[in-house]
Amino acid sequence: MGRVVLVTGISRDIGRRFARAAAGDPSIERVIGVDVVPPRGDIGDVSFVRADIRNPVIAKVLAKEDVDTVVHMSVIATPGSAGGRGTMKELNVIGSMQLLAACQKSTTVKHLVVKSTTTVYGSSPRDPAMFTEDMGPKRLPSSGYAKDVYEIEGYVRGFARRRPDVGVTMIRAANVVGPHVSSPLTDYFRLPVIPRVLGFDPRLQFLHEDDLLRVLRHSVLTGIPGTFNVAGDGMVTLSQAVRRAGKPAVSMPRFAVGRLGATMRQARLSDFSPEQLGFLTYGRGVDTTRMRTELGFEPSYTSAEAFADFCREMQPGELRSPLAEGAGRG
């Protein structure tokens, strides 16, 4: 008998695409997609179950379907797509807690894969050149997506201690880019004129959307436990990225970029959060040695190639509101 895989967050594009790809793998018997709203687009052989992971009913889904592998992909990056910051935190943190509680009670679940993010490391002037998986943020996140992810990872580690018989794989993905990705960062590069923090040229790492799908599938099939930074080789400076995007840029003091970001959030043009401002000021680098030596995964795209593929699909002067395309978020 093949694996029975449950995927959360299937209403968003990246979750739907992963579930459909997993359903086509001959070693996977069934894939069940779970979300509060049905996915848009073809899901192939995936079975959709309308369920809210914030509700204990998710435990009944695990038991009824004899799920042995759970892939948690429903952590939301932007409050606009969730209906506000309060709802976003509830979906992210409370939803993850309920899902972990259901997995803890399950007698069938043997493997948990969690899509996390390198955003958990934060961005500050005191950061190391490269974060390894054993390092934490130099400044604990106080709000937003980064705080949610930091809390969720803590709950996942607690689950792993309570259920040592369940293999837990945590994928800390670098900023995901590609033709189908709509995120705070891709929306930033879609602005007609790109604001930059005066005097800073941060180093950025990217992960192509196809490589994200590949590493999640690899994690499901191999069952290798651990926490892994996943990013394309190399780095791209912000100035290089702006040139490759073919956009004009304007350099401003950090406080002015912050005010502009707040104005864009209020106008629902872009979710330019304080954490993104930090990233676009100081950048972030993560070490991916463990990804290769322990997880046994090699991305197909370098950071530069992943960003170039994103740029090829971007129309000149394109601006896409992140609030209009919540389903496309990774």
Protein backbone atom coordinates (compact mmCIF):
# COMPACT_ATOMS: atom_id res chain seq x y z
CA MET A 1 0.00 0.00 0.00
CA GLY A 2 1.27 3.47 -0.89
CA ARG A 3 1.27 6.54 1.28
CA VAL A 4 -1.90 8.43 2.18
CA VAL A 5 -0.99 12.12 2.23
CA LEU A 6 -3.03 15.00 3.65
CA VAL A 7 -2.15 18.49 2.40
CA THR A 8 -3.38 21.63 4.16
CA GLY A 9 -3.81 24.97 2.41
CA ILE A 10 -4.97 23.48 -0.89
CA SER A 11 -7.04 26.55 -1.82
CA ARG A 12 -3.82 28.50 -2.47
CA ASP A 13 -2.02 27.94 -5.73
CA ILE A 14 1.17 26.41 -4.35
CA GLY A 15 -0.77 23.99 -2.14
CA ARG A 16 -3.02 22.95 -5.01
CA ARG A 17 -0.09 22.39 -7.35
CA PHE A 18 1.82 20.34 -4.80
CA ALA A 19 -1.20 18.17 -3.98
CA ARG A 20 -1.86 17.51 -7.67
CA ALA A 21 1.79 16.61 -8.31
CA ALA A 22 1.84 14.30 -5.29
CA ALA A 23 -1.33 12.56 -6.48
CA GLY A 24 0.46 11.70 -9.72
CA ASP A 25 3.30 9.90 -7.93
CA PRO A 26 2.95 6.11 -8.21
CA SER A 27 4.27 5.57 -4.67
CA ILE A 28 1.47 7.67 -3.19
CA GLU A 29 -1.87 5.90 -2.97
CA ARG A 30 -4.12 8.85 -2.13
CA VAL A 31 -3.88 12.60 -1.55
CA ILE A 32 -6.47 14.47 0.50
CA GLY A 33 -6.53 18.25 0.22
CA VAL A 34 -7.97 20.23 3.12
CA ASP A 35 -9.04 23.87 3.31
CA VAL A 36 -11.97 26.04 4.31
CA VAL A 37 -12.76 26.92 0.69
CA PRO A 38 -12.48 24.77 -2.46
CA PRO A 39 -9.37 25.23 -4.61
CA ARG A 40 -9.58 27.09 -7.89
CA GLY A 41 -8.22 25.13 -10.80
CA ASP A 42 -7.82 21.48 -11.63
CA ILE A 43 -6.77 19.27 -8.70
CA GLY A 44 -6.53 16.04 -10.69
CA ASP A 45 -6.95 12.94 -8.53
CA VAL A 46 -6.81 14.84 -5.24
CA SER A 47 -9.77 14.31 -2.90
CA PHE A 48 -10.91 17.63 -1.45
CA VAL A 49 -12.31 17.82 2.07
CA ARG A 50 -13.77 21.10 3.25
CA ALA A 51 -12.46 21.46 6.80
CA ASP A 52 -11.02 24.16 9.03
CA ILE A 53 -7.82 23.05 10.74
CA ARG A 54 -8.66 25.45 13.60
CA ASN A 55 -11.44 23.00 14.45
CA PRO A 56 -10.77 19.68 16.23
CA VAL A 57 -12.75 18.00 13.41
CA ILE A 58 -9.43 17.72 11.56
CA ALA A 59 -8.62 14.77 13.84
CA LYS A 60 -11.63 12.92 12.43
CA VAL A 61 -10.37 13.51 8.89
CA LEU A 62 -6.98 12.00 9.77
CA ALA A 63 -8.63 8.96 11.31
CA LYS A 64 -11.26 8.43 8.62
CA GLU A 65 -8.78 8.63 5.76
CA ASP A 66 -6.01 6.60 7.48
CA VAL A 67 -3.52 9.41 6.81
CA ASP A 68 0.12 8.50 7.40
CA THR A 69 1.77 11.67 6.04
CA VAL A 70 0.72 15.28 6.70
CA VAL A 71 2.08 18.21 4.67
CA HIS A 72 1.28 21.50 6.39
CA MET A 73 1.22 24.36 3.86
CA SER A 74 -1.51 26.64 5.15
CA VAL A 75 0.56 29.31 6.93
CA ILE A 76 -0.48 32.68 5.48
CA ALA A 77 2.07 35.42 4.83
CA THR A 78 -0.20 38.46 4.52
CA PRO A 79 -3.07 39.75 6.68
CA GLY A 80 -4.90 41.10 3.65
CA SER A 81 -5.40 37.68 2.14
CA ALA A 82 -6.69 36.38 5.48
CA GLY A 83 -9.11 39.21 6.25
CA GLY A 84 -6.96 41.06 8.80
CA ARG A 85 -4.06 40.48 11.16
CA GLY A 86 -6.25 38.92 13.88
CA THR A 87 -7.68 36.34 11.50
CA MET A 88 -4.24 35.71 10.00
CA LYS A 89 -2.74 34.90 13.42
CA GLU A 90 -5.68 32.67 14.28
CA LEU A 91 -5.39 30.75 11.01
CA ASN A 92 -1.64 30.41 11.32
CA VAL A 93 -1.01 29.74 15.00
CA ILE A 94 -4.31 28.31 16.27
CA GLY A 95 -4.74 26.29 13.09
CA SER A 96 -1.24 24.83 13.39
CA MET A 97 -1.79 24.01 17.07
CA GLN A 98 -5.03 22.15 16.30
CA LEU A 99 -3.40 20.26 13.44
CA LEU A 100 -0.48 19.22 15.65
CA ALA A 101 -2.89 18.16 18.40
CA ALA A 102 -4.75 16.00 15.88
CA CYS A 103 -1.46 14.47 14.66
CA GLN A 104 -0.42 13.80 18.25
CA LYS A 105 -3.61 11.81 18.91
CA SER A 106 -3.46 9.97 15.58
CA THR A 107 -2.44 6.32 15.49
CA THR A 108 -1.77 6.39 11.75
CA VAL A 109 0.36 9.52 11.18
CA LYS A 110 4.04 8.61 10.81
CA HIS A 111 5.49 11.64 9.05
CA LEU A 112 4.88 15.39 9.23
CA VAL A 113 6.29 17.86 6.69
CA VAL A 114 6.01 21.55 7.56
CA LYS A 115 6.62 24.30 5.01
CA SER A 116 8.36 27.01 6.99
CA THR A 117 10.45 29.97 5.83
CA THR A 118 13.84 31.58 6.33
CA THR A 119 11.88 34.66 7.43
CA VAL A 120 12.04 33.04 10.87
CA TYR A 121 15.66 34.24 11.14
CA GLY A 122 14.64 37.87 10.73
CA SER A 123 16.93 40.57 9.34
CA SER A 124 19.10 42.83 11.45
CA PRO A 125 22.52 44.53 11.30
CA ARG A 126 23.82 41.95 13.81
CA ASP A 127 23.04 38.92 11.64
CA PRO A 128 25.75 36.42 10.69
CA ALA A 129 26.79 36.17 7.06
CA MET A 130 24.96 32.84 6.82
CA PHE A 131 22.39 31.38 9.19
CA THR A 132 22.62 27.67 9.90
CA GLU A 133 19.60 25.68 11.04
CA ASP A 134 20.85 25.66 14.64
CA MET A 135 20.84 29.46 14.86
CA GLY A 136 17.94 31.65 15.87
CA PRO A 137 17.07 35.26 15.07
CA LYS A 138 19.29 37.92 16.61
CA ARG A 139 16.15 39.88 17.38
CA LEU A 140 12.98 37.97 18.24
CA PRO A 141 10.09 38.87 15.92
CA SER A 142 7.47 40.95 17.69
CA SER A 143 4.67 40.94 15.14
CA GLY A 144 3.38 39.71 11.82
CA TYR A 145 4.23 36.68 9.73
CA ALA A 146 7.69 36.21 11.23
CA LYS A 147 6.26 36.01 14.77
CA ASP A 148 3.65 33.48 13.63
CA VAL A 149 6.26 31.26 12.00
CA TYR A 150 8.54 31.49 15.04
CA GLU A 151 5.70 30.36 17.30
CA ILE A 152 4.61 27.60 14.90
CA GLU A 153 8.14 26.19 14.72
CA GLY A 154 8.21 26.09 18.51
CA TYR A 155 4.98 24.09 18.58
CA VAL A 156 6.34 21.73 15.91
CA ARG A 157 9.47 21.07 17.98
CA GLY A 158 7.25 20.38 20.99
CA PHE A 159 5.24 17.92 18.94
CA ALA A 160 8.42 16.17 17.82
CA ARG A 161 9.48 15.71 21.46
CA ARG A 162 6.08 14.30 22.44
CA ARG A 163 5.84 11.98 19.44
CA PRO A 164 9.39 10.79 18.72
CA ASP A 165 7.92 7.98 16.65
CA VAL A 166 6.71 10.52 14.05
CA GLY A 167 9.33 11.79 11.62
CA VAL A 168 9.18 15.60 11.38
CA THR A 169 10.68 17.45 8.43
CA MET A 170 10.76 21.25 8.56
CA ILE A 171 11.56 23.04 5.29
CA ARG A 172 12.77 26.61 5.82
CA ALA A 173 12.33 27.92 2.30
CA ALA A 174 14.01 31.10 1.07
CA ASN A 175 11.78 33.70 -0.60
CA VAL A 176 9.86 31.80 -3.26
CA VAL A 177 9.70 33.37 -6.73
CA GLY A 178 8.48 32.25 -10.11
CA PRO A 179 5.89 32.95 -12.80
CA HIS A 180 2.92 31.89 -10.63
CA VAL A 181 3.96 33.39 -7.28
CA SER A 182 2.23 36.41 -5.78
CA SER A 183 3.81 37.33 -2.45
CA PRO A 184 4.82 40.52 -0.62
CA LEU A 185 8.28 40.30 -2.19
CA THR A 186 7.15 39.61 -5.77
CA ASP A 187 4.60 42.41 -5.45
CA TYR A 188 7.45 44.70 -4.38
CA PHE A 189 9.36 43.91 -7.57
CA ARG A 190 6.19 44.47 -9.61
CA LEU A 191 5.91 48.10 -8.45
CA PRO A 192 6.35 50.62 -11.30
CA VAL A 193 9.11 52.34 -9.31
CA ILE A 194 10.96 50.38 -6.66
CA PRO A 195 11.76 52.17 -3.38
CA ARG A 196 15.12 51.32 -1.82
CA VAL A 197 16.65 52.14 1.53
CA LEU A 198 19.40 54.72 1.03
CA GLY A 199 22.89 53.37 1.66
CA PHE A 200 21.99 49.66 1.71
CA ASP A 201 22.33 46.95 -0.92
CA PRO A 202 21.19 43.76 0.81
CA ARG A 203 22.02 40.22 -0.35
CA LEU A 204 18.95 38.15 -1.26
CA GLN A 205 18.41 34.43 -1.75
CA PHE A 206 15.55 32.94 -3.76
CA LEU A 207 13.92 29.56 -4.24
CA HIS A 208 12.11 28.80 -7.47
CA GLU A 209 8.49 27.69 -7.04
CA ASP A 210 9.22 24.43 -8.90
CA ASP A 211 12.06 23.66 -6.49
CA LEU A 212 9.73 24.24 -3.55
CA LEU A 213 7.34 21.65 -4.97
CA ARG A 214 10.27 19.29 -5.61
CA VAL A 215 11.71 19.56 -2.09
CA LEU A 216 8.30 18.98 -0.50
CA ARG A 217 7.77 15.90 -2.66
CA HIS A 218 11.31 14.72 -1.87
CA SER A 219 10.60 15.14 1.85
CA VAL A 220 7.39 13.11 1.62
CA LEU A 221 9.00 10.27 -0.31
CA THR A 222 12.23 10.00 1.68
CA GLY A 223 10.81 10.69 5.14
CA ILE A 224 14.14 12.20 6.28
CA PRO A 225 13.53 14.11 9.52
CA GLY A 226 15.17 17.38 10.51
CA THR A 227 15.12 21.11 9.86
CA PHE A 228 16.57 22.25 6.55
CA ASN A 229 17.34 25.61 4.95
CA VAL A 230 16.37 25.40 1.28
CA ALA A 231 17.52 28.04 -1.22
CA GLY A 232 19.01 28.27 -4.67
CA ASP A 233 22.78 28.57 -4.94
CA GLY A 234 24.33 32.00 -4.73
CA MET A 235 22.90 35.39 -3.91
CA VAL A 236 21.53 38.40 -5.74
CA THR A 237 21.99 41.90 -4.40
CA LEU A 238 18.97 44.18 -4.40
CA SER A 239 20.61 46.50 -6.94
CA GLN A 240 21.16 43.53 -9.29
CA ALA A 241 17.57 42.39 -8.83
CA VAL A 242 16.20 45.85 -9.63
CA ARG A 243 18.29 46.04 -12.82
CA ARG A 244 17.20 42.56 -13.92
CA ALA A 245 13.59 43.49 -13.27
CA GLY A 246 14.06 46.44 -15.61
CA LYS A 247 12.52 48.87 -13.15
CA PRO A 248 13.54 52.35 -12.08
CA ALA A 249 14.40 52.71 -8.39
CA VAL A 250 14.42 55.57 -5.94
CA SER A 251 16.63 55.59 -2.84
CA MET A 252 15.08 57.03 0.30
CA PRO A 253 15.91 57.16 4.02
CA ARG A 254 14.70 54.09 5.89
CA PHE A 255 11.97 55.98 7.75
CA ALA A 256 10.61 57.32 4.44
CA VAL A 257 10.48 53.83 2.90
CA GLY A 258 8.69 52.65 6.04
CA ARG A 259 6.10 55.42 5.72
CA LEU A 260 5.63 54.64 2.05
CA GLY A 261 5.12 50.99 2.93
CA ALA A 262 2.47 51.89 5.50
CA THR A 263 0.69 54.04 2.91
CA MET A 264 0.74 51.19 0.37
CA ARG A 265 -0.72 48.82 2.96
CA GLN A 266 -3.52 51.24 3.73
CA ALA A 267 -4.20 51.69 0.01
CA ARG A 268 -4.22 47.87 -0.36
CA LEU A 269 -1.57 48.10 -3.06
CA SER A 270 1.12 46.03 -1.40
CA ASP A 271 1.69 44.35 1.96
CA PHE A 272 4.93 46.17 2.69
CA SER A 273 5.41 45.03 6.28
CA PRO A 274 8.10 46.10 8.79
CA GLU A 275 9.70 42.64 8.45
CA GLN A 276 9.96 43.13 4.68
CA LEU A 277 11.51 46.54 5.24
CA GLY A 278 14.13 44.88 7.44
CA PHE A 279 14.82 42.26 4.77
CA LEU A 280 15.19 44.93 2.07
CA THR A 281 17.57 46.84 4.33
CA TYR A 282 19.84 44.13 5.72
CA GLY A 283 19.09 41.07 3.56
CA ARG A 284 19.58 37.50 4.74
CA GLY A 285 21.83 34.56 3.95
CA VAL A 286 21.26 30.92 4.92
CA ASP A 287 23.62 27.98 4.78
CA THR A 288 22.25 25.08 2.72
CA THR A 289 24.90 22.46 3.49
CA ARG A 290 22.47 20.31 5.49
CA MET A 291 20.00 20.42 2.59
CA ARG A 292 22.56 18.61 0.41
CA THR A 293 24.37 16.35 2.87
CA GLU A 294 21.43 15.18 5.02
CA LEU A 295 18.24 15.81 3.07
CA GLY A 296 19.90 14.88 -0.22
CA PHE A 297 18.24 17.65 -2.24
CA GLU A 298 19.70 19.91 -4.93
CA PRO A 299 17.63 22.82 -6.33
CA SER A 300 17.40 23.01 -10.13
CA TYR A 301 17.58 26.82 -10.13
CA THR A 302 20.20 29.11 -8.60
CA SER A 303 18.93 32.23 -6.85
CA ALA A 304 19.80 34.28 -9.93
CA GLU A 305 18.08 31.82 -12.30
CA ALA A 306 14.96 31.69 -10.15
CA PHE A 307 14.68 35.49 -10.12
CA ALA A 308 15.35 35.65 -13.87
CA ASP A 309 12.46 33.24 -14.50
CA PHE A 310 10.19 35.44 -12.40
CA CYS A 311 11.29 38.51 -14.37
CA ARG A 312 10.56 36.85 -17.74
CA GLU A 313 6.88 36.58 -16.85
CA MET A 314 6.62 40.09 -15.45
CA GLN A 315 5.17 42.81 -17.66
CA PRO A 316 6.91 46.20 -17.61
CA GLY A 317 5.40 48.40 -14.93
CA GLU A 318 3.20 45.58 -13.66
CA LEU A 319 1.62 46.07 -10.24
CA ARG A 320 -0.52 43.30 -8.84
CA SER A 321 -2.30 43.74 -5.54
CA PRO A 322 -1.51 40.94 -3.08
CA LEU A 323 -5.03 41.24 -1.72
CA ALA A 324 -6.50 40.36 -5.10
CA GLU A 325 -4.57 37.11 -5.45
CA GLY A 326 -4.55 35.45 -2.07
CA ALA A 327 -4.87 32.05 -3.74
CA GLY A 328 -1.47 32.44 -5.36
CA ARG A 329 0.53 32.88 -2.19
CA GLY A 330 3.24 30.49 -1.22
